[in-house]
Protein backbone atom coordinates (compact mmCIF):
# COMPACT_ATOMS: atom_id res chain seq x y z
CA UNK A 1 -14.79 -3.78 13.16
CA UNK A 2 -11.06 -5.01 11.34
CA UNK A 3 -7.88 -3.08 11.91
CA UNK A 4 -5.35 -2.86 8.75
CA UNK A 5 -2.09 -3.39 9.09
CA UNK A 6 -0.18 -1.23 6.40
CA UNK A 7 3.55 -1.47 5.22
CA UNK A 8 6.26 -1.00 3.64
CA UNK A 9 8.87 -3.70 3.11
CA UNK A 10 12.33 -1.21 3.80
CA UNK A 11 10.01 2.51 3.79
CA UNK A 12 7.68 2.29 6.50
CA UNK A 13 7.52 -0.56 9.23
CA UNK A 14 3.86 -2.10 9.72
CA UNK A 15 1.89 -0.06 11.38
CA UNK A 16 -2.08 -0.84 12.05
CA UNK A 17 -4.86 1.49 11.65
CA UNK A 18 -8.18 1.95 12.44
CA UNK A 19 -9.77 1.12 8.73
CA UNK A 20 -8.23 1.02 5.57
CA UNK A 21 -9.10 5.45 4.81
CA UNK A 22 -6.42 5.88 7.58
CA UNK A 23 -3.72 3.50 5.99
CA UNK A 24 -3.92 4.71 2.18
CA UNK A 25 -2.89 8.25 3.00
CA UNK A 26 0.25 7.26 4.83
CA UNK A 27 1.29 4.70 2.48
CA UNK A 28 0.82 7.33 -0.69
CA UNK A 29 2.61 10.69 1.47
CA UNK A 30 5.29 7.71 1.61
CA UNK A 31 5.76 6.76 -1.90
CA UNK A 32 4.63 10.14 -3.39
CA UNK A 33 8.14 11.43 -3.75
CA UNK A 34 9.90 8.60 -4.26
CA UNK A 35 12.17 8.43 -8.17
CA UNK A 36 8.83 5.61 -8.93
CA UNK A 37 9.47 4.01 -12.28
CA UNK A 38 7.94 5.17 -14.89
CA UNK A 39 6.10 2.53 -16.12
CA UNK A 40 4.93 1.82 -12.55
CA UNK A 41 3.53 5.23 -11.85
CA UNK A 42 0.05 5.38 -12.46
CA UNK A 43 -1.15 2.05 -10.98
CA UNK A 44 0.45 3.13 -7.73
CA UNK A 45 -1.55 6.21 -7.91
CA UNK A 46 -4.35 4.25 -8.87
CA UNK A 47 -4.10 1.70 -5.96
CA UNK A 48 -2.65 4.00 -2.65
CA UNK A 49 -3.41 7.28 -5.10
CA UNK A 50 -6.05 9.81 -3.82
CA UNK A 51 -9.59 8.58 -5.30
CA UNK A 52 -8.09 5.08 -5.24
CA UNK A 53 -8.04 2.10 -2.70
CA UNK A 54 -11.73 0.59 -3.72
CA UNK A 55 -9.47 -1.45 -5.62
CA UNK A 56 -7.93 -3.10 -2.21
CA UNK A 57 -10.88 -2.94 -0.75
CA UNK A 58 -13.11 -4.80 -2.44
CA UNK A 59 -10.04 -7.36 -2.03
CA UNK A 60 -10.00 -7.06 1.55
CA UNK A 61 -13.29 -7.68 2.01
CA UNK A 62 -12.97 -11.47 0.48
CA UNK A 63 -8.97 -12.62 0.49
CA UNK A 64 -7.98 -10.57 4.11
CA UNK A 65 -4.81 -9.05 2.20
CA UNK A 66 -3.26 -7.32 -0.51
CA UNK A 67 0.26 -6.77 -1.76
CA UNK A 68 1.58 -5.20 -5.02
CA UNK A 69 5.77 -4.10 -5.25
CA UNK A 70 7.22 -1.03 -5.40
CA UNK A 71 9.79 -0.53 -8.00
CA UNK A 72 11.89 2.79 -7.05
CA UNK A 73 14.71 4.33 -9.65
CA UNK A 74 16.12 4.24 -13.23
CA UNK A 75 15.52 1.15 -15.11
CA UNK A 76 19.33 0.02 -14.81
CA UNK A 77 19.31 1.24 -11.01
CA UNK A 78 15.84 -0.63 -8.84
CA UNK A 79 14.86 -1.23 -5.79
CA UNK A 80 11.51 -3.30 -5.11
CA UNK A 81 9.35 -2.96 -1.81
CA UNK A 82 6.06 -5.09 -1.23
CA UNK A 83 3.21 -2.90 -0.34
CA UNK A 84 0.93 -4.95 1.67
CA UNK A 85 -2.51 -4.28 3.75
CA UNK A 86 -4.26 -7.12 6.04
CA UNK A 87 -7.12 -6.80 7.34
CA UNK A 88 -7.28 -7.98 11.62
CA UNK A 89 -10.45 -8.62 13.21
CA UNK A 90 -9.77 -8.21 17.07
CA UNK A 91 -9.33 -10.47 19.50
CA UNK A 92 -12.70 -11.62 21.69
């Protein structure tokens, strides 16, 4: 069974989780109260919000990694934070 490492640059250090189902709620809790740029909000909710993650799971099954940039703030004053999720096979 693979472990999942997930983090958000500048928001949450990379952390190991036993599965994607464990990682996504933690990521969502970290970002849901941030002032995500309006045009980006629904996309992030679909990716990591409640009921999300199917696209990420498919990507992880093919590539072992998924990432997207989170844009926080207003149109003229914002910061970008890379969300990364990777899978790691256990070492024998």
